[in-house]
């Protein structure tokens, strides 16, 4: 529940970076008749047999991408203590000025006001 849009996409592993960049092309060049599954199996075998020195480039890329992902995820997530609090909206001193949106509750056929900016019931982060 964030204004920042969809959850950040998790980055690829070192193996996936390698297979998508060079591994798949190399395998398909040697075995053009391989199915997608056979290419994946062969890629796994090649990755496990690969020297650690050759894997380092891909592992560093994956580590960097994961660090960036974790930072984006921190920015995307709202702190739990701010979600669905029952206190007054803090985006303005007057709750009527809060940019509200009403959500229909099927359990009791009522409309519940929520802040349009942060999507919390009555406490707003803005």
Protein backbone atom coordinates (compact mmCIF):
# COMPACT_ATOMS: atom_id res chain seq x y z
CA UNK A 1 0.00 0.00 0.00
CA UNK A 2 2.10 2.84 -1.23
CA UNK A 3 1.99 5.96 -3.34
CA UNK A 4 5.17 4.74 -4.99
CA UNK A 5 3.39 2.32 -7.31
CA UNK A 6 4.02 -1.38 -7.66
CA UNK A 7 6.44 -3.27 -5.45
CA UNK A 8 9.99 -3.18 -6.84
CA UNK A 9 10.87 -6.24 -8.87
CA UNK A 10 13.35 -8.62 -7.24
CA UNK A 11 16.67 -8.70 -9.14
CA UNK A 12 18.01 -11.72 -10.97
CA UNK A 13 20.53 -14.08 -9.39
CA UNK A 14 24.10 -14.37 -10.69
CA UNK A 15 23.13 -17.53 -12.58
CA UNK A 16 20.13 -15.86 -14.23
CA UNK A 17 22.25 -12.85 -15.25
CA UNK A 18 24.79 -15.21 -16.83
CA UNK A 19 22.27 -17.48 -18.58
CA UNK A 20 20.35 -14.53 -20.04
CA UNK A 21 23.48 -12.70 -21.13
CA UNK A 22 25.75 -15.36 -22.65
CA UNK A 23 24.90 -18.85 -21.43
CA UNK A 24 21.73 -19.40 -23.42
CA UNK A 25 23.28 -18.15 -26.68
CA UNK A 26 26.32 -20.39 -26.20
CA UNK A 27 24.19 -23.48 -25.48
CA UNK A 28 21.81 -22.82 -28.39
CA UNK A 29 24.79 -22.40 -30.74
CA UNK A 30 26.17 -25.80 -29.73
CA UNK A 31 22.76 -27.53 -29.44
CA UNK A 32 20.20 -25.81 -31.69
CA UNK A 33 17.70 -28.64 -31.22
CA UNK A 34 17.53 -28.28 -27.39
CA UNK A 35 14.20 -27.39 -25.82
CA UNK A 36 13.89 -24.58 -23.25
CA UNK A 37 14.04 -27.16 -20.45
CA UNK A 38 17.15 -28.83 -21.89
CA UNK A 39 18.85 -25.44 -22.27
CA UNK A 40 18.10 -24.68 -18.61
CA UNK A 41 19.45 -28.04 -17.44
CA UNK A 42 22.60 -27.67 -19.53
CA UNK A 43 23.02 -24.10 -18.25
CA UNK A 44 22.83 -25.32 -14.66
CA UNK A 45 25.46 -27.96 -15.36
CA UNK A 46 27.74 -25.39 -17.00
CA UNK A 47 27.26 -22.91 -14.13
CA UNK A 48 28.14 -25.52 -11.49
CA UNK A 49 31.24 -26.54 -13.48
CA UNK A 50 32.34 -22.93 -14.02
CA UNK A 51 35.41 -21.69 -12.11
CA UNK A 52 34.76 -19.28 -9.24
CA UNK A 53 36.88 -16.62 -10.96
CA UNK A 54 34.50 -16.68 -13.94
CA UNK A 55 31.44 -16.38 -11.70
CA UNK A 56 32.72 -13.35 -9.75
CA UNK A 57 31.63 -10.82 -12.39
CA UNK A 58 28.06 -12.14 -12.33
CA UNK A 59 27.99 -12.47 -8.54
CA UNK A 60 29.14 -8.86 -8.09
CA UNK A 61 26.45 -7.66 -10.50
CA UNK A 62 23.82 -9.66 -8.62
CA UNK A 63 25.03 -8.31 -5.25
CA UNK A 64 24.89 -4.72 -6.52
CA UNK A 65 21.42 -5.26 -7.96
CA UNK A 66 20.21 -6.79 -4.67
CA UNK A 67 21.54 -3.81 -2.68
CA UNK A 68 19.69 -1.41 -5.01
CA UNK A 69 16.54 -3.53 -4.71
CA UNK A 70 16.68 -3.47 -0.91
CA UNK A 71 17.02 0.32 -0.93
CA UNK A 72 14.06 0.68 -3.30
CA UNK A 73 12.06 -1.69 -1.12
CA UNK A 74 12.75 0.42 1.97
CA UNK A 75 11.49 3.50 0.13
CA UNK A 76 8.45 1.61 -1.16
CA UNK A 77 7.32 0.21 2.21
CA UNK A 78 5.43 2.29 4.73
CA UNK A 79 6.34 1.79 8.38
CA UNK A 80 3.84 -0.61 9.98
CA UNK A 81 3.04 1.78 12.83
CA UNK A 82 1.54 4.23 10.31
CA UNK A 83 -0.84 1.76 8.69
CA UNK A 84 -4.52 1.81 9.62
CA UNK A 85 -4.14 3.82 12.80
CA UNK A 86 -7.27 5.10 14.56
CA UNK A 87 -5.84 8.53 15.35
CA UNK A 88 -6.66 11.78 13.57
CA UNK A 89 -5.22 12.39 10.14
CA UNK A 90 -1.96 14.33 10.43
CA UNK A 91 -1.74 15.58 6.85
CA UNK A 92 -3.60 18.67 8.04
CA UNK A 93 -4.99 19.95 11.30
CA UNK A 94 -8.49 19.76 9.83
CA UNK A 95 -9.55 16.23 8.86
CA UNK A 96 -11.90 17.70 6.24
CA UNK A 97 -8.89 19.01 4.32
CA UNK A 98 -7.36 15.55 4.08
CA UNK A 99 -7.62 14.25 0.50
CA UNK A 100 -10.00 11.39 1.30
CA UNK A 101 -11.27 8.51 -0.71
CA UNK A 102 -14.14 6.28 0.40
CA UNK A 103 -13.91 2.49 0.29
CA UNK A 104 -17.01 0.30 0.39
CA UNK A 105 -17.02 -2.31 3.17
CA UNK A 106 -19.10 -5.34 2.14
CA UNK A 107 -19.25 -6.69 5.71
CA UNK A 108 -21.49 -3.91 7.03
CA UNK A 109 -22.45 -2.06 3.83
CA UNK A 110 -20.65 1.10 4.91
CA UNK A 111 -18.22 3.54 3.36
CA UNK A 112 -14.90 4.03 5.14
CA UNK A 113 -12.84 7.19 4.53
CA UNK A 114 -9.15 6.69 3.81
CA UNK A 115 -6.40 9.14 2.95
CA UNK A 116 -5.91 9.29 -0.82
CA UNK A 117 -2.17 9.91 -0.42
CA UNK A 118 -1.14 7.16 1.98
CA UNK A 119 -4.18 4.83 1.87
CA UNK A 120 -4.54 4.64 5.66
CA UNK A 121 -7.93 4.81 7.36
CA UNK A 122 -7.66 7.96 9.44
CA UNK A 123 -4.02 8.67 10.11
CA UNK A 124 -2.23 10.16 7.17
CA UNK A 125 1.50 10.29 6.60
CA UNK A 126 1.29 13.50 4.61
